[in-house]
PDB file of N, CA and C in Angstrom:
ATOM      1  N   UNK A   1       0.847  -1.170   0.000  1.00  0.00           N
ATOM      2  CA  UNK A   1       0.000   0.000   0.000  1.00  0.00           C
ATOM      3  C   UNK A   1       0.897   1.239   0.000  1.00  0.00           C
ATOM      4  N   UNK A   2       0.527   2.204  -0.798  1.00  0.00           N
ATOM      5  CA  UNK A   2       1.328   3.415  -0.896  1.00  0.00           C
ATOM      6  C   UNK A   2       1.199   4.263   0.359  1.00  0.00           C
ATOM      7  N   UNK A   3       2.218   5.045   0.625  1.00  0.00           N
ATOM      8  CA  UNK A   3       2.233   5.896   1.819  1.00  0.00           C
ATOM      9  C   UNK A   3       1.102   6.918   1.774  1.00  0.00           C
ATOM     10  N   UNK A   4       0.821   7.426   0.593  1.00  0.00           N
ATOM     11  CA  UNK A   4      -0.245   8.426   0.454  1.00  0.00           C
ATOM     12  C   UNK A   4      -1.588   7.845   0.888  1.00  0.00           C
ATOM     13  N   UNK A   5      -1.871   6.616   0.490  1.00  0.00           N
ATOM     14  CA  UNK A   5      -3.123   5.955   0.866  1.00  0.00           C
ATOM     15  C   UNK A   5      -3.206   5.760   2.372  1.00  0.00           C
ATOM     16  N   UNK A   6      -2.102   5.352   2.978  1.00  0.00           N
ATOM     17  CA  UNK A   6      -2.072   5.149   4.426  1.00  0.00           C
ATOM     18  C   UNK A   6      -2.343   6.462   5.152  1.00  0.00           C
ATOM     19  N   UNK A   7      -1.720   7.545   4.696  1.00  0.00           N
ATOM     20  CA  UNK A   7      -1.915   8.841   5.355  1.00  0.00           C
ATOM     21  C   UNK A   7      -3.335   9.364   5.171  1.00  0.00           C
ATOM     22  N   UNK A   8      -3.942   9.117   4.038  1.00  0.00           N
ATOM     23  CA  UNK A   8      -5.334   9.548   3.825  1.00  0.00           C
ATOM     24  C   UNK A   8      -6.276   8.758   4.733  1.00  0.00           C
ATOM     25  N   UNK A   9      -6.065   7.457   4.841  1.00  0.00           N
ATOM     26  CA  UNK A   9      -6.897   6.634   5.725  1.00  0.00           C
ATOM     27  C   UNK A   9      -6.728   7.072   7.181  1.00  0.00           C
ATOM     28  N   UNK A  10      -5.506   7.334   7.599  1.00  0.00           N
ATOM     29  CA  UNK A  10      -5.263   7.800   8.961  1.00  0.00           C
ATOM     30  C   UNK A  10      -5.919   9.150   9.222  1.00  0.00           C
ATOM     31  N   UNK A  11      -5.881  10.042   8.240  1.00  0.00           N
ATOM     32  CA  UNK A  11      -6.514  11.356   8.402  1.00  0.00           C
ATOM     33  C   UNK A  11      -8.026  11.220   8.563  1.00  0.00           C
ATOM     34  N   UNK A  12      -8.637  10.352   7.783  1.00  0.00           N
ATOM     35  CA  UNK A  12     -10.078  10.124   7.898  1.00  0.00           C
ATOM     36  C   UNK A  12     -10.420   9.552   9.273  1.00  0.00           C
ATOM     37  N   UNK A  13      -9.617   8.613   9.752  1.00  0.00           N
ATOM     38  CA  UNK A  13      -9.855   8.035  11.074  1.00  0.00           C
ATOM     39  C   UNK A  13      -9.692   9.069  12.188  1.00  0.00           C
ATOM     40  N   UNK A  14      -8.712   9.945  12.058  1.00  0.00           N
ATOM     41  CA  UNK A  14      -8.509  11.001  13.057  1.00  0.00           C
ATOM     42  C   UNK A  14      -9.702  11.949  13.081  1.00  0.00           C
ATOM     43  N   UNK A  15     -10.201  12.323  11.923  1.00  0.00           N
ATOM     44  CA  UNK A  15     -11.369  13.206  11.870  1.00  0.00           C
ATOM     45  C   UNK A  15     -12.591  12.528  12.475  1.00  0.00           C
ATOM     46  N   UNK A  16     -12.764  11.239  12.218  1.00  0.00           N
ATOM     47  CA  UNK A  16     -13.888  10.512  12.811  1.00  0.00           C
ATOM     48  C   UNK A  16     -13.768  10.400  14.324  1.00  0.00           C
ATOM     49  N   UNK A  17     -12.557  10.203  14.830  1.00  0.00           N
ATOM     50  CA  UNK A  17     -12.358  10.146  16.278  1.00  0.00           C
ATOM     51  C   UNK A  17     -12.647  11.507  16.902  1.00  0.00           C
ATOM     52  N   UNK A  18     -12.180  12.565  16.261  1.00  0.00           N
ATOM     53  CA  UNK A  18     -12.343  13.895  16.828  1.00  0.00           C
ATOM     54  C   UNK A  18     -13.789  14.383  16.762  1.00  0.00           C
ATOM     55  N   UNK A  19     -14.450  14.174  15.656  1.00  0.00           N
ATOM     56  CA  UNK A  19     -15.784  14.737  15.457  1.00  0.00           C
ATOM     57  C   UNK A  19     -16.911  13.723  15.593  1.00  0.00           C
ATOM     58  N   UNK A  20     -16.575  12.460  15.786  1.00  0.00           N
ATOM     59  CA  UNK A  20     -17.580  11.408  15.845  1.00  0.00           C
ATOM     60  C   UNK A  20     -18.681  11.612  16.871  1.00  0.00           C
ATOM     61  N   UNK A  21     -18.342  11.857  18.145  1.00  0.00           N
ATOM     62  CA  UNK A  21     -19.411  12.047  19.130  1.00  0.00           C
ATOM     63  C   UNK A  21     -20.328  13.215  18.817  1.00  0.00           C
ATOM     64  N   UNK A  22     -19.763  14.321  18.388  1.00  0.00           N
ATOM     65  CA  UNK A  22     -20.595  15.477  18.055  1.00  0.00           C
ATOM     66  C   UNK A  22     -21.473  15.195  16.842  1.00  0.00           C
ATOM     67  N   UNK A  23     -20.917  14.539  15.835  1.00  0.00           N
ATOM     68  CA  UNK A  23     -21.704  14.205  14.647  1.00  0.00           C
ATOM     69  C   UNK A  23     -22.852  13.260  14.987  1.00  0.00           C
ATOM     70  N   UNK A  24     -22.587  12.256  15.823  1.00  0.00           N
ATOM     71  CA  UNK A  24     -23.648  11.329  16.212  1.00  0.00           C
ATOM     72  C   UNK A  24     -24.752  12.035  16.981  1.00  0.00           C
ATOM     73  N   UNK A  25     -24.377  12.936  17.875  1.00  0.00           N
ATOM     74  CA  UNK A  25     -25.380  13.654  18.662  1.00  0.00           C
ATOM     75  C   UNK A  25     -26.246  14.543  17.771  1.00  0.00           C
ATOM     76  N   UNK A  26     -25.624  15.276  16.885  1.00  0.00           N
ATOM     77  CA  UNK A  26     -26.373  16.192  16.013  1.00  0.00           C
ATOM     78  C   UNK A  26     -27.229  15.413  15.014  1.00  0.00           C
ATOM     79  N   UNK A  27     -26.674  14.375  14.427  1.00  0.00           N
ATOM     80  CA  UNK A  27     -27.423  13.587  13.438  1.00  0.00           C
ATOM     81  C   UNK A  27     -28.607  12.884  14.092  1.00  0.00           C
ATOM     82  N   UNK A  28     -28.411  12.333  15.308  1.00  0.00           N
ATOM     83  CA  UNK A  28     -29.534  11.665  15.975  1.00  0.00           C
ATOM     84  C   UNK A  28     -30.643  12.647  16.321  1.00  0.00           C
ATOM     85  N   UNK A  29     -30.273  13.853  16.734  1.00  0.00           N
ATOM     86  CA  UNK A  29     -31.287  14.860  17.038  1.00  0.00           C
ATOM     87  C   UNK A  29     -32.031  15.284  15.778  1.00  0.00           C
ATOM     88  N   UNK A  30     -31.324  15.460  14.686  1.00  0.00           N
ATOM     89  CA  UNK A  30     -31.972  15.838  13.433  1.00  0.00           C
ATOM     90  C   UNK A  30     -32.913  14.742  12.941  1.00  0.00           C
ATOM     91  N   UNK A  31     -32.495  13.492  13.054  1.00  0.00           N
ATOM     92  CA  UNK A  31     -33.360  12.375  12.644  1.00  0.00           C
ATOM     93  C   UNK A  31     -34.611  12.347  13.508  1.00  0.00           C
ATOM     94  N   UNK A  32     -34.433  12.507  14.811  1.00  0.00           N
ATOM     95  CA  UNK A  32     -35.585  12.468  15.718  1.00  0.00           C
ATOM     96  C   UNK A  32     -36.569  13.588  15.404  1.00  0.00           C
ATOM     97  N   UNK A  33     -36.054  14.781  15.159  1.00  0.00           N
ATOM     98  CA  UNK A  33     -36.930  15.934  14.960  1.00  0.00           C
ATOM     99  C   UNK A  33     -37.529  15.990  13.562  1.00  0.00           C
ATOM    100  N   UNK A  34     -36.706  15.785  12.546  1.00  0.00           N
ATOM    101  CA  UNK A  34     -37.186  15.961  11.170  1.00  0.00           C
ATOM    102  C   UNK A  34     -37.903  14.742  10.616  1.00  0.00           C
ATOM    103  N   UNK A  35     -37.378  13.561  10.895  1.00  0.00           N
ATOM    104  CA  UNK A  35     -37.959  12.348  10.315  1.00  0.00           C
ATOM    105  C   UNK A  35     -39.152  11.858  11.123  1.00  0.00           C
ATOM    106  N   UNK A  36     -38.985  11.821  12.455  1.00  0.00           N
ATOM    107  CA  UNK A  36     -40.023  11.235  13.295  1.00  0.00           C
ATOM    108  C   UNK A  36     -40.882  12.267  14.025  1.00  0.00           C
ATOM    109  N   UNK A  37     -40.538  13.544  13.932  1.00  0.00           N
ATOM    110  CA  UNK A  37     -41.335  14.594  14.561  1.00  0.00           C
ATOM    111  C   UNK A  37     -41.274  14.598  16.078  1.00  0.00           C
ATOM    112  N   UNK A  38     -40.195  14.081  16.640  1.00  0.00           N
ATOM    113  CA  UNK A  38     -40.046  14.028  18.098  1.00  0.00           C
ATOM    114  C   UNK A  38     -39.206  15.213  18.572  1.00  0.00           C
ATOM    115  N   UNK A  39     -39.414  15.580  19.829  1.00  0.00           N
ATOM    116  CA  UNK A  39     -38.589  16.616  20.434  1.00  0.00           C
ATOM    117  C   UNK A  39     -37.472  15.949  21.224  1.00  0.00           C
ATOM    118  N   UNK A  40     -36.296  16.585  21.216  1.00  0.00           N
ATOM    119  CA  UNK A  40     -35.159  16.083  21.991  1.00  0.00           C
ATOM    120  C   UNK A  40     -34.723  17.206  22.915  1.00  0.00           C
ATOM    121  N   UNK A  41     -34.616  16.884  24.196  1.00  0.00           N
ATOM    122  CA  UNK A  41     -34.213  17.852  25.194  1.00  0.00           C
ATOM    123  C   UNK A  41     -33.208  17.175  26.109  1.00  0.00           C
ATOM    124  N   UNK A  42     -32.106  17.845  26.401  1.00  0.00           N
ATOM    125  CA  UNK A  42     -31.083  17.238  27.249  1.00  0.00           C
ATOM    126  C   UNK A  42     -31.361  17.441  28.732  1.00  0.00           C
ATOM    127  N   UNK A  43     -32.445  18.126  29.081  1.00  0.00           N
ATOM    128  CA  UNK A  43     -32.799  18.305  30.484  1.00  0.00           C
ATOM    129  C   UNK A  43     -33.637  17.148  31.011  1.00  0.00           C
ATOM    130  N   UNK A  44     -34.449  16.564  30.160  1.00  0.00           N
ATOM    131  CA  UNK A  44     -35.295  15.449  30.566  1.00  0.00           C
ATOM    132  C   UNK A  44     -35.693  14.662  29.325  1.00  0.00           C
ATOM    133  N   UNK A  45     -36.156  13.433  29.566  1.00  0.00           N
ATOM    134  CA  UNK A  45     -36.553  12.553  28.474  1.00  0.00           C
ATOM    135  C   UNK A  45     -37.969  12.883  28.027  1.00  0.00           C
ATOM    136  N   UNK A  46     -38.143  13.033  26.726  1.00  0.00           N
ATOM    137  CA  UNK A  46     -39.462  13.271  26.141  1.00  0.00           C
ATOM    138  C   UNK A  46     -39.840  12.013  25.364  1.00  0.00           C
ATOM    139  N   UNK A  47     -41.015  11.455  25.615  1.00  0.00           N
ATOM    140  CA  UNK A  47     -41.414  10.236  24.892  1.00  0.00           C
ATOM    141  C   UNK A  47     -41.437  10.451  23.377  1.00  0.00           C
ATOM    142  N   UNK A  48     -40.948   9.447  22.662  1.00  0.00           N
ATOM    143  CA  UNK A  48     -40.931   9.479  21.204  1.00  0.00           C
ATOM    144  C   UNK A  48     -41.302   8.074  20.728  1.00  0.00           C
ATOM    145  N   UNK A  49     -42.552   7.904  20.357  1.00  0.00           N
ATOM    146  CA  UNK A  49     -43.044   6.590  19.974  1.00  0.00           C
ATOM    147  C   UNK A  49     -42.875   6.404  18.471  1.00  0.00           C
ATOM    148  N   UNK A  50     -42.118   5.361  18.109  1.00  0.00           N
ATOM    149  CA  UNK A  50     -41.878   5.020  16.707  1.00  0.00           C
ATOM    150  C   UNK A  50     -42.241   3.552  16.548  1.00  0.00           C
ATOM    151  N   UNK A  51     -43.232   3.271  15.746  1.00  0.00           N
ATOM    152  CA  UNK A  51     -43.646   1.890  15.504  1.00  0.00           C
ATOM    153  C   UNK A  51     -44.099   1.181  16.768  1.00  0.00           C
ATOM    154  N   UNK A  52     -44.714   1.899  17.688  1.00  0.00           N
ATOM    155  CA  UNK A  52     -45.224   1.299  18.912  1.00  0.00           C
ATOM    156  C   UNK A  52     -44.208   1.155  20.032  1.00  0.00           C
ATOM    157  N   UNK A  53     -42.983   1.621  19.834  1.00  0.00           N
ATOM    158  CA  UNK A  53     -41.947   1.528  20.857  1.00  0.00           C
ATOM    159  C   UNK A  53     -41.416   2.922  21.163  1.00  0.00           C
ATOM    160  N   UNK A  54     -41.150   3.178  22.443  1.00  0.00           N
ATOM    161  CA  UNK A  54     -40.663   4.492  22.866  1.00  0.00           C
ATOM    162  C   UNK A  54     -39.142   4.560  22.717  1.00  0.00           C
ATOM    163  N   UNK A  55     -38.678   5.521  21.906  1.00  0.00           N
ATOM    164  CA  UNK A  55     -37.247   5.744  21.695  1.00  0.00           C
ATOM    165  C   UNK A  55     -36.774   7.050  22.314  1.00  0.00           C
ATOM    166  N   UNK A  56     -37.561   7.636  23.186  1.00  0.00           N
ATOM    167  CA  UNK A  56     -37.194   8.907  23.811  1.00  0.00           C
ATOM    168  C   UNK A  56     -35.908   8.821  24.606  1.00  0.00           C
ATOM    169  N   UNK A  57     -35.762   7.756  25.385  1.00  0.00           N
ATOM    170  CA  UNK A  57     -34.544   7.585  26.186  1.00  0.00           C
ATOM    171  C   UNK A  57     -33.323   7.387  25.290  1.00  0.00           C
ATOM    172  N   UNK A  58     -33.488   6.699  24.187  1.00  0.00           N
ATOM    173  CA  UNK A  58     -32.374   6.476  23.258  1.00  0.00           C
ATOM    174  C   UNK A  58     -31.887   7.793  22.665  1.00  0.00           C
ATOM    175  N   UNK A  59     -32.830   8.637  22.205  1.00  0.00           N
ATOM    176  CA  UNK A  59     -32.435   9.933  21.657  1.00  0.00           C
ATOM    177  C   UNK A  59     -31.849  10.835  22.730  1.00  0.00           C
ATOM    178  N   UNK A  60     -32.353  10.727  23.946  1.00  0.00           N
ATOM    179  CA  UNK A  60     -31.807  11.486  25.077  1.00  0.00           C
ATOM    180  C   UNK A  60     -30.357  11.078  25.327  1.00  0.00           C
ATOM    181  N   UNK A  61     -30.096   9.766  25.361  1.00  0.00           N
ATOM    182  CA  UNK A  61     -28.734   9.267  25.584  1.00  0.00           C
ATOM    183  C   UNK A  61     -27.798   9.653  24.443  1.00  0.00           C
ATOM    184  N   UNK A  62     -28.279   9.573  23.210  1.00  0.00           N
ATOM    185  CA  UNK A  62     -27.448   9.962  22.064  1.00  0.00           C
ATOM    186  C   UNK A  62     -27.134  11.453  22.084  1.00  0.00           C
ATOM    187  N   UNK A  63     -28.039  12.255  22.606  1.00  0.00           N
ATOM    188  CA  UNK A  63     -27.783  13.689  22.714  1.00  0.00           C
ATOM    189  C   UNK A  63     -26.627  13.994  23.650  1.00  0.00           C
ATOM    190  N   UNK A  64     -26.434  13.146  24.650  1.00  0.00           N
ATOM    191  CA  UNK A  64     -25.346  13.380  25.591  1.00  0.00           C
ATOM    192  C   UNK A  64     -23.978  13.043  25.010  1.00  0.00           C
ATOM    193  N   UNK A  65     -23.917  12.458  23.843  1.00  0.00           N
ATOM    194  CA  UNK A  65     -22.621  12.204  23.205  1.00  0.00           C
ATOM    195  C   UNK A  65     -21.875  13.496  22.907  1.00  0.00           C
ATOM    196  N   UNK A  66     -22.594  14.603  22.822  1.00  0.00           N
ATOM    197  CA  UNK A  66     -21.956  15.886  22.536  1.00  0.00           C
ATOM    198  C   UNK A  66     -20.932  16.233  23.618  1.00  0.00           C
ATOM    199  N   UNK A  67     -21.152  15.755  24.836  1.00  0.00           N
ATOM    200  CA  UNK A  67     -20.217  16.053  25.925  1.00  0.00           C
ATOM    201  C   UNK A  67     -18.887  15.329  25.739  1.00  0.00           C
ATOM    202  N   UNK A  68     -18.877  14.229  25.037  1.00  0.00           N
ATOM    203  CA  UNK A  68     -17.619  13.525  24.777  1.00  0.00           C
ATOM    204  C   UNK A  68     -16.724  14.320  23.826  1.00  0.00           C
ATOM    205  N   UNK A  69     -17.283  15.308  23.170  1.00  0.00           N
ATOM    206  CA  UNK A  69     -16.485  16.140  22.269  1.00  0.00           C
ATOM    207  C   UNK A  69     -15.428  16.931  23.029  1.00  0.00           C
ATOM    208  N   UNK A  70     -15.686  17.203  24.305  1.00  0.00           N
ATOM    209  CA  UNK A  70     -14.683  17.910  25.106  1.00  0.00           C
ATOM    210  C   UNK A  70     -13.409  17.096  25.263  1.00  0.00           C
ATOM    211  N   UNK A  71     -13.508  15.806  25.089  1.00  0.00           N
ATOM    212  CA  UNK A  71     -12.323  14.950  25.137  1.00  0.00           C
ATOM    213  C   UNK A  71     -11.834  14.558  23.753  1.00  0.00           C
ATOM    214  N   UNK A  72     -12.775  14.293  22.851  1.00  0.00           N
ATOM    215  CA  UNK A  72     -12.378  13.758  21.551  1.00  0.00           C
ATOM    216  C   UNK A  72     -11.773  14.824  20.632  1.00  0.00           C
ATOM    217  N   UNK A  73     -12.227  16.059  20.713  1.00  0.00           N
ATOM    218  CA  UNK A  73     -11.668  17.095  19.831  1.00  0.00           C
ATOM    219  C   UNK A  73     -10.215  17.420  20.197  1.00  0.00           C
ATOM    220  N   UNK A  74      -9.873  17.629  21.479  1.00  0.00           N
ATOM    221  CA  UNK A  74      -8.444  17.821  21.792  1.00  0.00           C
ATOM    222  C   UNK A  74      -7.593  16.591  21.465  1.00  0.00           C
ATOM    223  N   UNK A  75      -8.137  15.388  21.711  1.00  0.00           N
ATOM    224  CA  UNK A  75      -7.386  14.179  21.361  1.00  0.00           C
ATOM    225  C   UNK A  75      -7.162  14.118  19.851  1.00  0.00           C
ATOM    226  N   UNK A  76      -8.176  14.500  19.085  1.00  0.00           N
ATOM    227  CA  UNK A  76      -8.023  14.549  17.632  1.00  0.00           C
ATOM    228  C   UNK A  76      -6.999  15.578  17.196  1.00  0.00           C
ATOM    229  N   UNK A  77      -6.927  16.699  17.914  1.00  0.00           N
ATOM    230  CA  UNK A  77      -5.908  17.712  17.601  1.00  0.00           C
ATOM    231  C   UNK A  77      -4.506  17.202  17.826  1.00  0.00           C
ATOM    232  N   UNK A  78      -4.310  16.467  18.917  1.00  0.00           N
ATOM    233  CA  UNK A  78      -2.994  15.881  19.190  1.00  0.00           C
ATOM    234  C   UNK A  78      -2.654  14.848  18.123  1.00  0.00           C
ATOM    235  N   UNK A  79      -3.621  13.994  17.794  1.00  0.00           N
ATOM    236  CA  UNK A  79      -3.382  12.993  16.754  1.00  0.00           C
ATOM    237  C   UNK A  79      -3.106  13.644  15.403  1.00  0.00           C
ATOM    238  N   UNK A  80      -3.790  14.751  15.124  1.00  0.00           N
ATOM    239  CA  UNK A  80      -3.554  15.461  13.863  1.00  0.00           C
ATOM    240  C   UNK A  80      -2.151  16.058  13.817  1.00  0.00           C
ATOM    241  N   UNK A  81      -1.673  16.575  14.945  1.00  0.00           N
ATOM    242  CA  UNK A  81      -0.308  17.112  14.993  1.00  0.00           C
ATOM    243  C   UNK A  81       0.718  16.005  14.765  1.00  0.00           C
ATOM    244  N   UNK A  82       0.507  14.855  15.393  1.00  0.00           N
ATOM    245  CA  UNK A  82       1.413  13.715  15.184  1.00  0.00           C
ATOM    246  C   UNK A  82       1.363  13.265  13.735  1.00  0.00           C
ATOM    247  N   UNK A  83       0.163  13.223  13.162  1.00  0.00           N
ATOM    248  CA  UNK A  83      -0.010  12.848  11.759  1.00  0.00           C
ATOM    249  C   UNK A  83       0.738  13.820  10.845  1.00  0.00           C
ATOM    250  N   UNK A  84       0.635  15.127  11.137  1.00  0.00           N
ATOM    251  CA  UNK A  84       1.291  16.128  10.295  1.00  0.00           C
ATOM    252  C   UNK A  84       2.810  15.971  10.333  1.00  0.00           C
ATOM    253  N   UNK A  85       3.355  15.710  11.509  1.00  0.00           N
ATOM    254  CA  UNK A  85       4.806  15.516  11.618  1.00  0.00           C
ATOM    255  C   UNK A  85       5.229  14.268  10.842  1.00  0.00           C
ATOM    256  N   UNK A  86       4.467  13.182  10.997  1.00  0.00           N
ATOM    257  CA  UNK A  86       4.798  11.951  10.278  1.00  0.00           C
ATOM    258  C   UNK A  86       4.676  12.144   8.762  1.00  0.00           C
ATOM    259  N   UNK A  87       3.640  12.878   8.329  1.00  0.00           N
ATOM    260  CA  UNK A  87       3.472  13.138   6.899  1.00  0.00           C
ATOM    261  C   UNK A  87       4.614  13.996   6.364  1.00  0.00           C
ATOM    262  N   UNK A  88       5.045  14.973   7.146  1.00  0.00           N
ATOM    263  CA  UNK A  88       6.160  15.818   6.722  1.00  0.00           C
ATOM    264  C   UNK A  88       7.448  15.008   6.614  1.00  0.00           C
ATOM    265  N   UNK A  89       7.689  14.141   7.568  1.00  0.00           N
ATOM    266  CA  UNK A  89       8.885  13.289   7.520  1.00  0.00           C
ATOM    267  C   UNK A  89       8.831  12.361   6.306  1.00  0.00           C
ATOM    268  N   UNK A  90       7.661  11.790   6.034  1.00  0.00           N
ATOM    269  CA  UNK A  90       7.519  10.911   4.867  1.00  0.00           C
ATOM    270  C   UNK A  90       7.710  11.686   3.570  1.00  0.00           C
ATOM    271  N   UNK A  91       7.207  12.907   3.523  1.00  0.00           N
ATOM    272  CA  UNK A  91       7.352  13.738   2.325  1.00  0.00           C
ATOM    273  C   UNK A  91       8.811  14.092   2.080  1.00  0.00           C
ATOM    274  N   UNK A  92       9.502  14.496   3.120  1.00  0.00           N
ATOM    275  CA  UNK A  92      10.927  14.835   2.979  1.00  0.00           C
ATOM    276  C   UNK A  92      11.728  13.600   2.563  1.00  0.00           C
ATOM    277  N   UNK A  93      11.397  12.463   3.161  1.00  0.00           N
ATOM    278  CA  UNK A  93      12.101  11.221   2.803  1.00  0.00           C
ATOM    279  C   UNK A  93      11.872  10.821   1.365  1.00  0.00           C
ATOM    280  N   UNK A  94      10.661  10.986   0.856  1.00  0.00           N
ATOM    281  CA  UNK A  94      10.392  10.617  -0.536  1.00  0.00           C
ATOM    282  C   UNK A  94      11.041  11.605  -1.502  1.00  0.00           C
ATOM    283  N   UNK A  95      11.140  12.866  -1.119  1.00  0.00           N
ATOM    284  CA  UNK A  95      11.806  13.858  -1.976  1.00  0.00           C
ATOM    285  C   UNK A  95      13.297  13.570  -2.083  1.00  0.00           C
ATOM    286  N   UNK A  96      13.884  13.153  -0.987  1.00  0.00           N
ATOM    287  CA  UNK A  96      15.321  12.855  -1.008  1.00  0.00           C
ATOM    288  C   UNK A  96      15.629  11.634  -1.854  1.00  0.00           C
ATOM    289  N   UNK A  97      14.725  10.665  -1.863  1.00  0.00           N
ATOM    290  CA  UNK A  97      14.937   9.468  -2.683  1.00  0.00           C
ATOM    291  C   UNK A  97      14.864   9.801  -4.168  1.00  0.00           C
ATOM    292  N   UNK A  98      13.967  10.720  -4.514  1.00  0.00           N
ATOM    293  CA  UNK A  98      13.781  11.056  -5.937  1.00  0.00           C
ATOM    294  C   UNK A  98      14.905  11.897  -6.485  1.00  0.00           C
ATOM    295  N   UNK A  99      15.421  12.830  -5.712  1.00  0.00           N
ATOM    296  CA  UNK A  99      16.461  13.746  -6.202  1.00  0.00           C
ATOM    297  C   UNK A  99      17.825  13.076  -6.150  1.00  0.00           C
ATOM    298  N   UNK A 100      18.456  12.923  -7.296  1.00  0.00           N
ATOM    299  CA  UNK A 100      19.848  12.433  -7.268  1.00  0.00           C
ATOM    300  C   UNK A 100      20.762  13.566  -6.817  1.00  0.00           C
ATOM    301  N   UNK A 101      21.771  13.210  -6.052  1.00  0.00           N
ATOM    302  CA  UNK A 101      22.694  14.231  -5.591  1.00  0.00           C
ATOM    303  C   UNK A 101      23.520  14.771  -6.757  1.00  0.00           C
ATOM    304  N   UNK A 102      23.602  16.094  -6.802  1.00  0.00           N
ATOM    305  CA  UNK A 102      24.365  16.742  -7.883  1.00  0.00           C
ATOM    306  C   UNK A 102      25.735  17.131  -7.353  1.00  0.00           C
ATOM    307  N   UNK A 103      26.761  16.855  -8.149  1.00  0.00           N
ATOM    308  CA  UNK A 103      28.122  17.157  -7.715  1.00  0.00           C
ATOM    309  C   UNK A 103      28.640  18.403  -8.347  1.00  0.00           C
TER     310      UNK A 103
END
């Protein structure tokens, strides 16, 4: 596998780790409100009946994933900095291999 492919896959994984909890919280709230017409409130559980089953507690719990962003976004920033240093080292190494030394 080429180095470029590895770095792109790692970058996508870092973005998912950093923004994953916030994306899940926002997407679940949008699905609950727009698709099913339910209200989501982080202060208390509001019943949301879908197909005869109450999913209010599930949407309430998914809404609290936003709080994990306080940990995942800084962790993603650290991982992104490490990724950038590794990508820079790989780039410099590949440039040196390509350039023949001139005398």
